[in-house]
Protein backbone atom coordinates (compact mmCIF):
# COMPACT_ATOMS: atom_id res chain seq x y z
CA UNK A 1 0.00 0.00 0.00
CA UNK A 2 2.82 2.40 0.89
CA UNK A 3 4.50 1.88 -2.50
CA UNK A 4 1.33 2.58 -4.47
CA UNK A 5 0.36 5.70 -2.51
CA UNK A 6 3.79 7.02 -1.54
CA UNK A 7 3.20 10.47 -3.03
CA UNK A 8 -0.16 10.92 -1.28
CA UNK A 9 1.23 9.70 2.05
CA UNK A 10 4.24 12.02 1.75
CA UNK A 11 1.96 14.94 0.94
CA UNK A 12 -0.21 14.13 3.96
CA UNK A 13 2.80 13.89 6.27
CA UNK A 14 4.17 17.16 4.93
CA UNK A 15 0.81 18.90 5.42
CA UNK A 16 0.51 17.44 8.93
CA UNK A 17 4.00 18.70 9.80
CA UNK A 18 3.18 22.15 8.37
CA UNK A 19 -0.05 22.37 10.38
CA UNK A 20 1.66 21.20 13.58
CA UNK A 21 4.38 23.82 13.10
CA UNK A 22 2.08 26.73 12.28
CA UNK A 23 -0.58 26.05 14.90
CA UNK A 24 1.88 26.61 17.78
CA UNK A 25 1.10 30.35 18.12
CA UNK A 26 -2.54 29.40 18.71
CA UNK A 27 -1.86 26.90 21.50
CA UNK A 28 -3.93 27.53 24.60
CA UNK A 29 -2.05 26.78 27.83
CA UNK A 30 0.44 24.63 25.93
CA UNK A 31 -2.19 22.46 24.26
CA UNK A 32 -3.50 22.54 20.70
CA UNK A 33 -6.85 24.33 20.49
CA UNK A 34 -10.05 22.39 20.12
CA UNK A 35 -12.43 22.91 17.22
CA UNK A 36 -14.87 25.03 19.21
CA UNK A 37 -11.99 27.26 20.41
CA UNK A 38 -10.82 27.72 16.83
CA UNK A 39 -14.38 28.55 15.79
CA UNK A 40 -14.57 31.16 18.57
CA UNK A 41 -11.29 32.69 17.37
CA UNK A 42 -12.60 32.66 13.82
CA UNK A 43 -15.80 34.41 14.91
CA UNK A 44 -13.77 37.12 16.69
CA UNK A 45 -11.61 37.65 13.61
CA UNK A 46 -14.71 37.86 11.41
CA UNK A 47 -16.19 40.48 13.74
CA UNK A 48 -12.97 42.52 13.55
CA UNK A 49 -12.93 42.17 9.77
CA UNK A 50 -16.57 43.21 9.44
CA UNK A 51 -15.90 46.22 11.67
CA UNK A 52 -13.03 47.29 9.40
CA UNK A 53 -14.81 46.79 6.07
CA UNK A 54 -16.82 50.07 6.06
CA UNK A 55 -13.75 52.06 7.09
CA UNK A 56 -11.67 50.38 4.39
CA UNK A 57 -14.34 51.05 1.75
CA UNK A 58 -14.41 54.71 2.80
CA UNK A 59 -10.63 54.80 2.48
CA UNK A 60 -10.78 53.30 -1.02
CA UNK A 61 -13.40 55.85 -2.14
CA UNK A 62 -11.35 58.74 -0.76
CA UNK A 63 -8.19 57.36 -2.36
CA UNK A 64 -9.93 57.12 -5.74
CA UNK A 65 -11.24 60.68 -5.44
CA UNK A 66 -7.85 61.97 -4.32
CA UNK A 67 -6.01 60.21 -7.14
CA UNK A 68 -8.38 61.76 -9.67
CA UNK A 69 -7.81 65.21 -8.13
CA UNK A 70 -4.05 64.74 -7.91
CA UNK A 71 -4.00 63.61 -11.55
CA UNK A 72 -5.77 66.83 -12.58
CA UNK A 73 -3.40 68.93 -10.46
CA UNK A 74 -0.40 67.14 -11.97
CA UNK A 75 -1.71 67.79 -15.50
CA UNK A 76 -2.27 71.46 -14.66
CA UNK A 77 1.22 71.86 -13.20
CA UNK A 78 2.78 70.05 -16.17
CA UNK A 79 0.91 72.37 -18.53
CA UNK A 80 2.16 75.41 -16.58
CA UNK A 81 5.75 74.15 -16.73
CA UNK A 82 5.41 73.44 -20.44
CA UNK A 83 4.06 76.95 -21.06
CA UNK A 84 6.98 78.43 -19.13
CA UNK A 85 9.48 76.36 -21.12
CA UNK A 86 7.83 77.41 -24.38
CA UNK A 87 7.90 81.08 -23.31
CA UNK A 88 11.59 80.84 -22.41
CA UNK A 89 12.35 79.11 -25.70
CA UNK A 90 10.51 81.80 -27.69
CA UNK A 91 12.27 84.55 -25.76
CA UNK A 92 15.63 82.93 -26.41
CA UNK A 93 14.87 82.67 -30.14
CA UNK A 94 13.78 86.33 -30.25
CA UNK A 95 16.93 87.49 -28.51
CA UNK A 96 19.06 85.41 -30.89
CA UNK A 97 17.21 86.94 -33.83
CA UNK A 98 17.68 90.46 -32.38
CA UNK A 99 21.40 89.84 -31.90
CA UNK A 100 21.64 88.52 -35.43
CA UNK A 101 19.80 91.58 -36.79
CA UNK A 102 22.00 94.02 -34.88
CA UNK A 103 25.14 92.37 -36.20
CA UNK A 104 23.99 92.73 -39.80
C-alpha atoms as a PDB file:
ATOM      1  CA  UNK A   1       0.000   0.000   0.000  1.00  0.00           C
ATOM      2  CA  UNK A   2       2.824   2.395   0.892  1.00  0.00           C
ATOM      3  CA  UNK A   3       4.498   1.877  -2.502  1.00  0.00           C
ATOM      4  CA  UNK A   4       1.328   2.581  -4.465  1.00  0.00           C
ATOM      5  CA  UNK A   5       0.360   5.701  -2.513  1.00  0.00           C
ATOM      6  CA  UNK A   6       3.789   7.023  -1.539  1.00  0.00           C
ATOM      7  CA  UNK A   7       3.196  10.473  -3.028  1.00  0.00           C
ATOM      8  CA  UNK A   8      -0.156  10.923  -1.277  1.00  0.00           C
ATOM      9  CA  UNK A   9       1.227   9.700   2.046  1.00  0.00           C
ATOM     10  CA  UNK A  10       4.241  12.015   1.752  1.00  0.00           C
ATOM     11  CA  UNK A  11       1.956  14.936   0.938  1.00  0.00           C
ATOM     12  CA  UNK A  12      -0.215  14.127   3.964  1.00  0.00           C
ATOM     13  CA  UNK A  13       2.796  13.893   6.274  1.00  0.00           C
ATOM     14  CA  UNK A  14       4.172  17.159   4.925  1.00  0.00           C
ATOM     15  CA  UNK A  15       0.807  18.896   5.420  1.00  0.00           C
ATOM     16  CA  UNK A  16       0.514  17.441   8.928  1.00  0.00           C
ATOM     17  CA  UNK A  17       3.996  18.696   9.805  1.00  0.00           C
ATOM     18  CA  UNK A  18       3.175  22.148   8.366  1.00  0.00           C
ATOM     19  CA  UNK A  19      -0.053  22.371  10.383  1.00  0.00           C
ATOM     20  CA  UNK A  20       1.660  21.200  13.577  1.00  0.00           C
ATOM     21  CA  UNK A  21       4.382  23.819  13.100  1.00  0.00           C
ATOM     22  CA  UNK A  22       2.082  26.731  12.282  1.00  0.00           C
ATOM     23  CA  UNK A  23      -0.580  26.052  14.904  1.00  0.00           C
ATOM     24  CA  UNK A  24       1.879  26.610  17.777  1.00  0.00           C
ATOM     25  CA  UNK A  25       1.100  30.354  18.119  1.00  0.00           C
ATOM     26  CA  UNK A  26      -2.535  29.400  18.706  1.00  0.00           C
ATOM     27  CA  UNK A  27      -1.860  26.898  21.503  1.00  0.00           C
ATOM     28  CA  UNK A  28      -3.929  27.532  24.600  1.00  0.00           C
ATOM     29  CA  UNK A  29      -2.047  26.782  27.828  1.00  0.00           C
ATOM     30  CA  UNK A  30       0.437  24.632  25.928  1.00  0.00           C
ATOM     31  CA  UNK A  31      -2.192  22.464  24.256  1.00  0.00           C
ATOM     32  CA  UNK A  32      -3.497  22.543  20.697  1.00  0.00           C
ATOM     33  CA  UNK A  33      -6.845  24.334  20.489  1.00  0.00           C
ATOM     34  CA  UNK A  34     -10.052  22.390  20.118  1.00  0.00           C
ATOM     35  CA  UNK A  35     -12.425  22.906  17.221  1.00  0.00           C
ATOM     36  CA  UNK A  36     -14.873  25.035  19.212  1.00  0.00           C
ATOM     37  CA  UNK A  37     -11.995  27.258  20.411  1.00  0.00           C
ATOM     38  CA  UNK A  38     -10.816  27.720  16.831  1.00  0.00           C
ATOM     39  CA  UNK A  39     -14.375  28.551  15.792  1.00  0.00           C
ATOM     40  CA  UNK A  40     -14.574  31.157  18.567  1.00  0.00           C
ATOM     41  CA  UNK A  41     -11.287  32.688  17.366  1.00  0.00           C
ATOM     42  CA  UNK A  42     -12.596  32.660  13.819  1.00  0.00           C
ATOM     43  CA  UNK A  43     -15.797  34.410  14.910  1.00  0.00           C
ATOM     44  CA  UNK A  44     -13.774  37.121  16.694  1.00  0.00           C
ATOM     45  CA  UNK A  45     -11.615  37.649  13.610  1.00  0.00           C
ATOM     46  CA  UNK A  46     -14.708  37.856  11.407  1.00  0.00           C
ATOM     47  CA  UNK A  47     -16.189  40.483  13.735  1.00  0.00           C
ATOM     48  CA  UNK A  48     -12.969  42.516  13.553  1.00  0.00           C
ATOM     49  CA  UNK A  49     -12.929  42.168   9.773  1.00  0.00           C
ATOM     50  CA  UNK A  50     -16.570  43.205   9.442  1.00  0.00           C
ATOM     51  CA  UNK A  51     -15.896  46.220  11.669  1.00  0.00           C
ATOM     52  CA  UNK A  52     -13.025  47.289   9.399  1.00  0.00           C
ATOM     53  CA  UNK A  53     -14.805  46.790   6.067  1.00  0.00           C
ATOM     54  CA  UNK A  54     -16.818  50.073   6.056  1.00  0.00           C
ATOM     55  CA  UNK A  55     -13.750  52.059   7.090  1.00  0.00           C
ATOM     56  CA  UNK A  56     -11.674  50.384   4.386  1.00  0.00           C
ATOM     57  CA  UNK A  57     -14.336  51.046   1.748  1.00  0.00           C
ATOM     58  CA  UNK A  58     -14.406  54.707   2.798  1.00  0.00           C
ATOM     59  CA  UNK A  59     -10.629  54.804   2.481  1.00  0.00           C
ATOM     60  CA  UNK A  60     -10.778  53.301  -1.017  1.00  0.00           C
ATOM     61  CA  UNK A  61     -13.401  55.847  -2.137  1.00  0.00           C
ATOM     62  CA  UNK A  62     -11.347  58.738  -0.764  1.00  0.00           C
ATOM     63  CA  UNK A  63      -8.192  57.357  -2.358  1.00  0.00           C
ATOM     64  CA  UNK A  64      -9.926  57.119  -5.742  1.00  0.00           C
ATOM     65  CA  UNK A  65     -11.235  60.683  -5.440  1.00  0.00           C
ATOM     66  CA  UNK A  66      -7.846  61.972  -4.320  1.00  0.00           C
ATOM     67  CA  UNK A  67      -6.013  60.210  -7.142  1.00  0.00           C
ATOM     68  CA  UNK A  68      -8.383  61.765  -9.670  1.00  0.00           C
ATOM     69  CA  UNK A  69      -7.814  65.213  -8.134  1.00  0.00           C
ATOM     70  CA  UNK A  70      -4.046  64.745  -7.913  1.00  0.00           C
ATOM     71  CA  UNK A  71      -4.002  63.614 -11.550  1.00  0.00           C
ATOM     72  CA  UNK A  72      -5.769  66.832 -12.580  1.00  0.00           C
ATOM     73  CA  UNK A  73      -3.400  68.929 -10.465  1.00  0.00           C
ATOM     74  CA  UNK A  74      -0.404  67.141 -11.973  1.00  0.00           C
ATOM     75  CA  UNK A  75      -1.712  67.792 -15.503  1.00  0.00           C
ATOM     76  CA  UNK A  76      -2.271  71.463 -14.660  1.00  0.00           C
ATOM     77  CA  UNK A  77       1.223  71.856 -13.200  1.00  0.00           C
ATOM     78  CA  UNK A  78       2.776  70.052 -16.169  1.00  0.00           C
ATOM     79  CA  UNK A  79       0.915  72.375 -18.527  1.00  0.00           C
ATOM     80  CA  UNK A  80       2.163  75.409 -16.578  1.00  0.00           C
ATOM     81  CA  UNK A  81       5.754  74.151 -16.729  1.00  0.00           C
ATOM     82  CA  UNK A  82       5.407  73.438 -20.444  1.00  0.00           C
ATOM     83  CA  UNK A  83       4.058  76.955 -21.060  1.00  0.00           C
ATOM     84  CA  UNK A  84       6.976  78.433 -19.128  1.00  0.00           C
ATOM     85  CA  UNK A  85       9.481  76.355 -21.121  1.00  0.00           C
ATOM     86  CA  UNK A  86       7.833  77.414 -24.381  1.00  0.00           C
ATOM     87  CA  UNK A  87       7.899  81.077 -23.314  1.00  0.00           C
ATOM     88  CA  UNK A  88      11.590  80.840 -22.409  1.00  0.00           C
ATOM     89  CA  UNK A  89      12.353  79.110 -25.701  1.00  0.00           C
ATOM     90  CA  UNK A  90      10.507  81.797 -27.694  1.00  0.00           C
ATOM     91  CA  UNK A  91      12.269  84.551 -25.759  1.00  0.00           C
ATOM     92  CA  UNK A  92      15.631  82.929 -26.407  1.00  0.00           C
ATOM     93  CA  UNK A  93      14.869  82.670 -30.139  1.00  0.00           C
ATOM     94  CA  UNK A  94      13.775  86.328 -30.255  1.00  0.00           C
ATOM     95  CA  UNK A  95      16.935  87.490 -28.506  1.00  0.00           C
ATOM     96  CA  UNK A  96      19.060  85.411 -30.891  1.00  0.00           C
ATOM     97  CA  UNK A  97      17.213  86.941 -33.835  1.00  0.00           C
ATOM     98  CA  UNK A  98      17.681  90.457 -32.378  1.00  0.00           C
ATOM     99  CA  UNK A  99      21.399  89.838 -31.899  1.00  0.00           C
ATOM    100  CA  UNK A 100      21.644  88.521 -35.432  1.00  0.00           C
ATOM    101  CA  UNK A 101      19.799  91.581 -36.790  1.00  0.00           C
ATOM    102  CA  UNK A 102      22.001  94.023 -34.880  1.00  0.00           C
ATOM    103  CA  UNK A 103      25.142  92.374 -36.202  1.00  0.00           C
ATOM    104  CA  UNK A 104      23.989  92.729 -39.800  1.00  0.00           C
END
